[in-house]
Amino acid sequence: MGSSTMEITILAFAHARENLGFSTRTVSCDPEESPRTLMARIAPGADLRHLAVALDSGYVSWDGPLGQARELALIPPVSGG
């Protein structure tokens, strides 16, 4: 049951970047970890309710595993205009 850790790069856009205090951050994680648990670990208390999450440029659920993704993006809602 050895967990193999990996690294993932987190990209935060627009107000997500302002709220988290970074635009890019590389962290160690476990492939079984979900985006939700990863963010709770590195940014406890961050309000993620209005953000979409993408792994390697594809939208995913907050609760699915990271798998072998190399990039996690936090994307705020897009407003039309």
PDB file of N, CA and C in Angstrom:
ATOM      1  N   MET A   1       0.825  -1.193   0.000  1.00  0.00           N
ATOM      2  CA  MET A   1       0.000   0.000   0.000  1.00  0.00           C
ATOM      3  C   MET A   1       0.867   1.254   0.000  1.00  0.00           C
ATOM      4  N   GLY A   2       2.070   1.171  -0.563  1.00  0.00           N
ATOM      5  CA  GLY A   2       2.940   2.340  -0.603  1.00  0.00           C
ATOM      6  C   GLY A   2       2.375   3.397  -1.526  1.00  0.00           C
ATOM      7  N   SER A   3       2.302   4.595  -1.048  1.00  0.00           N
ATOM      8  CA  SER A   3       1.759   5.646  -1.892  1.00  0.00           C
ATOM      9  C   SER A   3       2.912   6.321  -2.617  1.00  0.00           C
ATOM     10  N   SER A   4       2.775   6.419  -3.917  1.00  0.00           N
ATOM     11  CA  SER A   4       3.821   7.078  -4.693  1.00  0.00           C
ATOM     12  C   SER A   4       3.433   8.531  -4.868  1.00  0.00           C
ATOM     13  N   THR A   5       4.265   9.411  -4.344  1.00  0.00           N
ATOM     14  CA  THR A   5       3.951  10.824  -4.471  1.00  0.00           C
ATOM     15  C   THR A   5       4.426  11.341  -5.818  1.00  0.00           C
ATOM     16  N   MET A   6       3.825  12.409  -6.226  1.00  0.00           N
ATOM     17  CA  MET A   6       4.164  13.048  -7.490  1.00  0.00           C
ATOM     18  C   MET A   6       4.070  14.543  -7.277  1.00  0.00           C
ATOM     19  N   GLU A   7       4.397  15.302  -8.294  1.00  0.00           N
ATOM     20  CA  GLU A   7       4.254  16.747  -8.215  1.00  0.00           C
ATOM     21  C   GLU A   7       3.213  17.201  -9.212  1.00  0.00           C
ATOM     22  N   ILE A   8       2.457  18.219  -8.804  1.00  0.00           N
ATOM     23  CA  ILE A   8       1.457  18.815  -9.686  1.00  0.00           C
ATOM     24  C   ILE A   8       1.602  20.330  -9.593  1.00  0.00           C
ATOM     25  N   THR A   9       1.412  21.007 -10.698  1.00  0.00           N
ATOM     26  CA  THR A   9       1.477  22.458 -10.724  1.00  0.00           C
ATOM     27  C   THR A   9       0.059  23.013 -10.678  1.00  0.00           C
ATOM     28  N   ILE A  10      -0.176  23.890  -9.726  1.00  0.00           N
ATOM     29  CA  ILE A  10      -1.492  24.513  -9.571  1.00  0.00           C
ATOM     30  C   ILE A  10      -1.439  25.899 -10.214  1.00  0.00           C
ATOM     31  N   LEU A  11      -2.405  26.156 -11.085  1.00  0.00           N
ATOM     32  CA  LEU A  11      -2.535  27.456 -11.732  1.00  0.00           C
ATOM     33  C   LEU A  11      -3.796  28.119 -11.209  1.00  0.00           C
ATOM     34  N   ALA A  12      -3.673  29.340 -10.703  1.00  0.00           N
ATOM     35  CA  ALA A  12      -4.830  30.071 -10.176  1.00  0.00           C
ATOM     36  C   ALA A  12      -5.044  31.311 -11.029  1.00  0.00           C
ATOM     37  N   PHE A  13      -6.270  31.482 -11.497  1.00  0.00           N
ATOM     38  CA  PHE A  13      -6.591  32.590 -12.388  1.00  0.00           C
ATOM     39  C   PHE A  13      -7.505  33.606 -11.706  1.00  0.00           C
ATOM     40  N   ALA A  14      -7.391  34.870 -12.132  1.00  0.00           N
ATOM     41  CA  ALA A  14      -8.266  35.976 -11.706  1.00  0.00           C
ATOM     42  C   ALA A  14      -8.398  36.044 -10.186  1.00  0.00           C
ATOM     43  N   HIS A  15      -9.630  36.057  -9.656  1.00  0.00           N
ATOM     44  CA  HIS A  15      -9.789  36.238  -8.213  1.00  0.00           C
ATOM     45  C   HIS A  15      -9.270  35.048  -7.423  1.00  0.00           C
ATOM     46  N   ALA A  16      -9.156  33.864  -8.038  1.00  0.00           N
ATOM     47  CA  ALA A  16      -8.561  32.719  -7.345  1.00  0.00           C
ATOM     48  C   ALA A  16      -7.106  33.039  -6.997  1.00  0.00           C
ATOM     49  N   ARG A  17      -6.408  33.677  -7.915  1.00  0.00           N
ATOM     50  CA  ARG A  17      -5.010  34.063  -7.688  1.00  0.00           C
ATOM     51  C   ARG A  17      -4.935  35.060  -6.530  1.00  0.00           C
ATOM     52  N   GLU A  18      -5.838  36.032  -6.516  1.00  0.00           N
ATOM     53  CA  GLU A  18      -5.836  37.035  -5.441  1.00  0.00           C
ATOM     54  C   GLU A  18      -6.162  36.400  -4.091  1.00  0.00           C
ATOM     55  N   ASN A  19      -7.140  35.494  -4.057  1.00  0.00           N
ATOM     56  CA  ASN A  19      -7.541  34.865  -2.798  1.00  0.00           C
ATOM     57  C   ASN A  19      -6.482  33.920  -2.252  1.00  0.00           C
ATOM     58  N   LEU A  20      -5.785  33.211  -3.128  1.00  0.00           N
ATOM     59  CA  LEU A  20      -4.807  32.220  -2.683  1.00  0.00           C
ATOM     60  C   LEU A  20      -3.414  32.806  -2.487  1.00  0.00           C
ATOM     61  N   GLY A  21      -3.146  33.935  -3.124  1.00  0.00           N
ATOM     62  CA  GLY A  21      -1.846  34.557  -2.971  1.00  0.00           C
ATOM     63  C   GLY A  21      -0.768  34.003  -3.896  1.00  0.00           C
ATOM     64  N   PHE A  22      -1.158  33.237  -4.893  1.00  0.00           N
ATOM     65  CA  PHE A  22      -0.199  32.758  -5.884  1.00  0.00           C
ATOM     66  C   PHE A  22      -0.896  32.544  -7.213  1.00  0.00           C
ATOM     67  N   SER A  23      -0.120  32.616  -8.287  1.00  0.00           N
ATOM     68  CA  SER A  23      -0.675  32.308  -9.608  1.00  0.00           C
ATOM     69  C   SER A  23      -0.225  30.925 -10.058  1.00  0.00           C
ATOM     70  N   THR A  24       0.960  30.508  -9.616  1.00  0.00           N
ATOM     71  CA  THR A  24       1.479  29.181  -9.943  1.00  0.00           C
ATOM     72  C   THR A  24       2.196  28.634  -8.720  1.00  0.00           C
ATOM     73  N   ARG A  25       1.928  27.365  -8.420  1.00  0.00           N
ATOM     74  CA  ARG A  25       2.590  26.725  -7.283  1.00  0.00           C
ATOM     75  C   ARG A  25       2.711  25.240  -7.582  1.00  0.00           C
ATOM     76  N   THR A  26       3.878  24.673  -7.363  1.00  0.00           N
ATOM     77  CA  THR A  26       4.078  23.237  -7.552  1.00  0.00           C
ATOM     78  C   THR A  26       4.144  22.580  -6.182  1.00  0.00           C
ATOM     79  N   VAL A  27       3.335  21.525  -6.006  1.00  0.00           N
ATOM     80  CA  VAL A  27       3.250  20.837  -4.715  1.00  0.00           C
ATOM     81  C   VAL A  27       3.334  19.328  -4.923  1.00  0.00           C
ATOM     82  N   SER A  28       3.718  18.636  -3.861  1.00  0.00           N
ATOM     83  CA  SER A  28       3.704  17.173  -3.870  1.00  0.00           C
ATOM     84  C   SER A  28       2.305  16.701  -3.523  1.00  0.00           C
ATOM     85  N   CYS A  29       1.893  15.608  -4.136  1.00  0.00           N
ATOM     86  CA  CYS A  29       0.563  15.070  -3.872  1.00  0.00           C
ATOM     87  C   CYS A  29       0.570  13.577  -4.147  1.00  0.00           C
ATOM     88  N   ASP A  30      -0.529  12.943  -3.823  1.00  0.00           N
ATOM     89  CA  ASP A  30      -0.732  11.519  -4.063  1.00  0.00           C
ATOM     90  C   ASP A  30      -1.716  11.386  -5.217  1.00  0.00           C
ATOM     91  N   PRO A  31      -1.510  10.458  -6.153  1.00  0.00           N
ATOM     92  CA  PRO A  31      -2.437  10.311  -7.282  1.00  0.00           C
ATOM     93  C   PRO A  31      -3.883  10.035  -6.862  1.00  0.00           C
ATOM     94  N   GLU A  32      -4.082   9.473  -5.664  1.00  0.00           N
ATOM     95  CA  GLU A  32      -5.434   9.173  -5.182  1.00  0.00           C
ATOM     96  C   GLU A  32      -6.117  10.388  -4.568  1.00  0.00           C
ATOM     97  N   GLU A  33      -5.352  11.425  -4.280  1.00  0.00           N
ATOM     98  CA  GLU A  33      -5.906  12.640  -3.688  1.00  0.00           C
ATOM     99  C   GLU A  33      -6.818  13.327  -4.706  1.00  0.00           C
ATOM    100  N   SER A  34      -7.850  14.005  -4.231  1.00  0.00           N
ATOM    101  CA  SER A  34      -8.745  14.743  -5.133  1.00  0.00           C
ATOM    102  C   SER A  34      -8.337  16.212  -5.144  1.00  0.00           C
ATOM    103  N   PRO A  35      -8.769  16.961  -6.152  1.00  0.00           N
ATOM    104  CA  PRO A  35      -8.506  18.399  -6.127  1.00  0.00           C
ATOM    105  C   PRO A  35      -9.001  19.049  -4.831  1.00  0.00           C
ATOM    106  N   ARG A  36     -10.151  18.605  -4.344  1.00  0.00           N
ATOM    107  CA  ARG A  36     -10.713  19.190  -3.111  1.00  0.00           C
ATOM    108  C   ARG A  36      -9.787  18.942  -1.916  1.00  0.00           C
ATOM    109  N   THR A  37      -9.303  17.695  -1.748  1.00  0.00           N
ATOM    110  CA  THR A  37      -8.446  17.408  -0.592  1.00  0.00           C
ATOM    111  C   THR A  37      -7.079  18.074  -0.734  1.00  0.00           C
ATOM    112  N   LEU A  38      -6.575  18.155  -1.946  1.00  0.00           N
ATOM    113  CA  LEU A  38      -5.301  18.842  -2.172  1.00  0.00           C
ATOM    114  C   LEU A  38      -5.405  20.309  -1.783  1.00  0.00           C
ATOM    115  N   MET A  39      -6.447  20.980  -2.243  1.00  0.00           N
ATOM    116  CA  MET A  39      -6.603  22.396  -1.938  1.00  0.00           C
ATOM    117  C   MET A  39      -6.881  22.623  -0.450  1.00  0.00           C
ATOM    118  N   ALA A  40      -7.612  21.714   0.191  1.00  0.00           N
ATOM    119  CA  ALA A  40      -7.860  21.842   1.629  1.00  0.00           C
ATOM    120  C   ALA A  40      -6.541  21.716   2.402  1.00  0.00           C
ATOM    121  N   ARG A  41      -5.622  20.921   1.876  1.00  0.00           N
ATOM    122  CA  ARG A  41      -4.333  20.732   2.531  1.00  0.00           C
ATOM    123  C   ARG A  41      -3.419  21.934   2.339  1.00  0.00           C
ATOM    124  N   ILE A  42      -3.365  22.486   1.132  1.00  0.00           N
ATOM    125  CA  ILE A  42      -2.404  23.579   0.900  1.00  0.00           C
ATOM    126  C   ILE A  42      -2.998  24.970   1.130  1.00  0.00           C
ATOM    127  N   ALA A  43      -4.322  25.083   1.111  1.00  0.00           N
ATOM    128  CA  ALA A  43      -4.964  26.390   1.337  1.00  0.00           C
ATOM    129  C   ALA A  43      -6.199  26.203   2.212  1.00  0.00           C
ATOM    130  N   PRO A  44      -5.991  25.767   3.468  1.00  0.00           N
ATOM    131  CA  PRO A  44      -7.148  25.539   4.345  1.00  0.00           C
ATOM    132  C   PRO A  44      -7.963  26.815   4.504  1.00  0.00           C
ATOM    133  N   GLY A  45      -9.264  26.663   4.425  1.00  0.00           N
ATOM    134  CA  GLY A  45     -10.144  27.810   4.590  1.00  0.00           C
ATOM    135  C   GLY A  45     -10.393  28.603   3.313  1.00  0.00           C
ATOM    136  N   ALA A  46      -9.725  28.256   2.225  1.00  0.00           N
ATOM    137  CA  ALA A  46      -9.944  28.981   0.968  1.00  0.00           C
ATOM    138  C   ALA A  46     -11.354  28.698   0.457  1.00  0.00           C
ATOM    139  N   ASP A  47     -12.000  29.719  -0.047  1.00  0.00           N
ATOM    140  CA  ASP A  47     -13.350  29.578  -0.584  1.00  0.00           C
ATOM    141  C   ASP A  47     -13.261  29.176  -2.055  1.00  0.00           C
ATOM    142  N   LEU A  48     -13.560  27.924  -2.334  1.00  0.00           N
ATOM    143  CA  LEU A  48     -13.450  27.378  -3.688  1.00  0.00           C
ATOM    144  C   LEU A  48     -14.812  27.170  -4.337  1.00  0.00           C
ATOM    145  N   ARG A  49     -15.871  27.586  -3.654  1.00  0.00           N
ATOM    146  CA  ARG A  49     -17.230  27.262  -4.103  1.00  0.00           C
ATOM    147  C   ARG A  49     -17.550  27.693  -5.522  1.00  0.00           C
ATOM    148  N   HIS A  50     -17.036  28.809  -5.958  1.00  0.00           N
ATOM    149  CA  HIS A  50     -17.425  29.322  -7.274  1.00  0.00           C
ATOM    150  C   HIS A  50     -16.384  29.045  -8.359  1.00  0.00           C
ATOM    151  N   LEU A  51     -15.432  28.181  -8.033  1.00  0.00           N
ATOM    152  CA  LEU A  51     -14.378  27.879  -8.999  1.00  0.00           C
ATOM    153  C   LEU A  51     -14.627  26.544  -9.687  1.00  0.00           C
ATOM    154  N   ALA A  52     -14.268  26.484 -10.945  1.00  0.00           N
ATOM    155  CA  ALA A  52     -14.230  25.210 -11.662  1.00  0.00           C
ATOM    156  C   ALA A  52     -12.796  24.702 -11.551  1.00  0.00           C
ATOM    157  N   VAL A  53     -12.634  23.402 -11.717  1.00  0.00           N
ATOM    158  CA  VAL A  53     -11.298  22.811 -11.635  1.00  0.00           C
ATOM    159  C   VAL A  53     -11.044  21.993 -12.897  1.00  0.00           C
ATOM    160  N   ALA A  54      -9.813  22.075 -13.380  1.00  0.00           N
ATOM    161  CA  ALA A  54      -9.421  21.316 -14.572  1.00  0.00           C
ATOM    162  C   ALA A  54      -8.089  20.621 -14.299  1.00  0.00           C
ATOM    163  N   LEU A  55      -7.963  19.411 -14.822  1.00  0.00           N
ATOM    164  CA  LEU A  55      -6.706  18.676 -14.775  1.00  0.00           C
ATOM    165  C   LEU A  55      -6.200  18.525 -16.198  1.00  0.00           C
ATOM    166  N   ASP A  56      -4.964  18.938 -16.424  1.00  0.00           N
ATOM    167  CA  ASP A  56      -4.365  18.857 -17.763  1.00  0.00           C
ATOM    168  C   ASP A  56      -5.313  19.383 -18.837  1.00  0.00           C
ATOM    169  N   SER A  57      -5.894  20.545 -18.589  1.00  0.00           N
ATOM    170  CA  SER A  57      -6.752  21.287 -19.529  1.00  0.00           C
ATOM    171  C   SER A  57      -8.141  20.705 -19.754  1.00  0.00           C
ATOM    172  N   GLY A  58      -8.568  19.727 -18.957  1.00  0.00           N
ATOM    173  CA  GLY A  58      -9.924  19.185 -19.077  1.00  0.00           C
ATOM    174  C   GLY A  58     -10.681  19.359 -17.770  1.00  0.00           C
ATOM    175  N   TYR A  59     -11.893  19.892 -17.851  1.00  0.00           N
ATOM    176  CA  TYR A  59     -12.704  20.076 -16.639  1.00  0.00           C
ATOM    177  C   TYR A  59     -12.996  18.738 -15.977  1.00  0.00           C
ATOM    178  N   VAL A  60     -12.914  18.719 -14.627  1.00  0.00           N
ATOM    179  CA  VAL A  60     -13.141  17.506 -13.851  1.00  0.00           C
ATOM    180  C   VAL A  60     -13.949  17.831 -12.602  1.00  0.00           C
ATOM    181  N   SER A  61     -14.345  16.779 -11.899  1.00  0.00           N
ATOM    182  CA  SER A  61     -15.030  16.926 -10.616  1.00  0.00           C
ATOM    183  C   SER A  61     -14.008  17.285  -9.532  1.00  0.00           C
ATOM    184  N   TRP A  62     -14.462  18.040  -8.548  1.00  0.00           N
ATOM    185  CA  TRP A  62     -13.610  18.360  -7.405  1.00  0.00           C
ATOM    186  C   TRP A  62     -13.254  17.115  -6.604  1.00  0.00           C
ATOM    187  N   ASP A  63     -14.041  16.044  -6.738  1.00  0.00           N
ATOM    188  CA  ASP A  63     -13.878  14.889  -5.859  1.00  0.00           C
ATOM    189  C   ASP A  63     -13.273  13.660  -6.520  1.00  0.00           C
ATOM    190  N   GLY A  64     -12.893  13.748  -7.783  1.00  0.00           N
ATOM    191  CA  GLY A  64     -12.241  12.622  -8.445  1.00  0.00           C
ATOM    192  C   GLY A  64     -10.748  12.624  -8.153  1.00  0.00           C
ATOM    193  N   PRO A  65     -10.056  11.518  -8.409  1.00  0.00           N
ATOM    194  CA  PRO A  65      -8.624  11.450  -8.138  1.00  0.00           C
ATOM    195  C   PRO A  65      -7.809  12.300  -9.117  1.00  0.00           C
ATOM    196  N   LEU A  66      -6.671  12.773  -8.639  1.00  0.00           N
ATOM    197  CA  LEU A  66      -5.759  13.535  -9.495  1.00  0.00           C
ATOM    198  C   LEU A  66      -5.143  12.646 -10.570  1.00  0.00           C
ATOM    199  N   GLY A  67      -4.970  11.367 -10.248  1.00  0.00           N
ATOM    200  CA  GLY A  67      -4.355  10.452 -11.205  1.00  0.00           C
ATOM    201  C   GLY A  67      -2.935  10.902 -11.526  1.00  0.00           C
ATOM    202  N   GLN A  68      -2.581  10.870 -12.788  1.00  0.00           N
ATOM    203  CA  GLN A  68      -1.224  11.256 -13.201  1.00  0.00           C
ATOM    204  C   GLN A  68      -1.178  12.670 -13.777  1.00  0.00           C
ATOM    205  N   ALA A  69      -2.169  13.496 -13.455  1.00  0.00           N
ATOM    206  CA  ALA A  69      -2.217  14.869 -13.980  1.00  0.00           C
ATOM    207  C   ALA A  69      -0.965  15.637 -13.560  1.00  0.00           C
ATOM    208  N   ARG A  70      -0.522  16.506 -14.418  1.00  0.00           N
ATOM    209  CA  ARG A  70       0.658  17.331 -14.139  1.00  0.00           C
ATOM    210  C   ARG A  70       0.268  18.772 -13.818  1.00  0.00           C
ATOM    211  N   GLU A  71      -0.992  19.135 -14.149  1.00  0.00           N
ATOM    212  CA  GLU A  71      -1.417  20.520 -13.962  1.00  0.00           C
ATOM    213  C   GLU A  71      -2.860  20.569 -13.483  1.00  0.00           C
ATOM    214  N   LEU A  72      -3.105  21.372 -12.447  1.00  0.00           N
ATOM    215  CA  LEU A  72      -4.451  21.598 -11.925  1.00  0.00           C
ATOM    216  C   LEU A  72      -4.729  23.088 -12.059  1.00  0.00           C
ATOM    217  N   ALA A  73      -5.819  23.432 -12.719  1.00  0.00           N
ATOM    218  CA  ALA A  73      -6.173  24.837 -12.904  1.00  0.00           C
ATOM    219  C   ALA A  73      -7.439  25.169 -12.119  1.00  0.00           C
ATOM    220  N   LEU A  74      -7.412  26.313 -11.444  1.00  0.00           N
ATOM    221  CA  LEU A  74      -8.568  26.829 -10.708  1.00  0.00           C
ATOM    222  C   LEU A  74      -9.131  27.975 -11.541  1.00  0.00           C
ATOM    223  N   ILE A  75     -10.355  27.779 -12.021  1.00  0.00           N
ATOM    224  CA  ILE A  75     -10.922  28.688 -13.010  1.00  0.00           C
ATOM    225  C   ILE A  75     -12.178  29.355 -12.453  1.00  0.00           C
ATOM    226  N   PRO A  76     -12.172  30.690 -12.369  1.00  0.00           N
ATOM    227  CA  PRO A  76     -13.358  31.392 -11.891  1.00  0.00           C
ATOM    228  C   PRO A  76     -14.452  31.396 -12.946  1.00  0.00           C
ATOM    229  N   PRO A  77     -15.686  31.689 -12.532  1.00  0.00           N
ATOM    230  CA  PRO A  77     -16.769  31.765 -13.515  1.00  0.00           C
ATOM    231  C   PRO A  77     -16.461  32.819 -14.572  1.00  0.00           C
ATOM    232  N   VAL A  78     -16.880  32.540 -15.776  1.00  0.00           N
ATOM    233  CA  VAL A  78     -16.676  33.482 -16.864  1.00  0.00           C
ATOM    234  C   VAL A  78     -17.965  34.269 -17.032  1.00  0.00           C
ATOM    235  N   SER A  79     -17.833  35.594 -16.998  1.00  0.00           N
ATOM    236  CA  SER A  79     -19.035  36.405 -17.184  1.00  0.00           C
ATOM    237  C   SER A  79     -19.044  36.952 -18.604  1.00  0.00           C
ATOM    238  N   GLY A  80     -20.206  36.941 -19.193  1.00  0.00           N
ATOM    239  CA  GLY A  80     -20.355  37.466 -20.561  1.00  0.00           C
ATOM    240  C   GLY A  80     -20.455  38.982 -20.528  1.00  0.00           C
ATOM    241  N   GLY A  81     -20.360  39.556 -21.703  1.00  0.00           N
ATOM    242  CA  GLY A  81     -20.484  41.005 -21.665  1.00  0.00           C
ATOM    243  C   GLY A  81     -20.534  41.622 -22.970  1.00  0.00           C
TER     244      GLY A  81
END
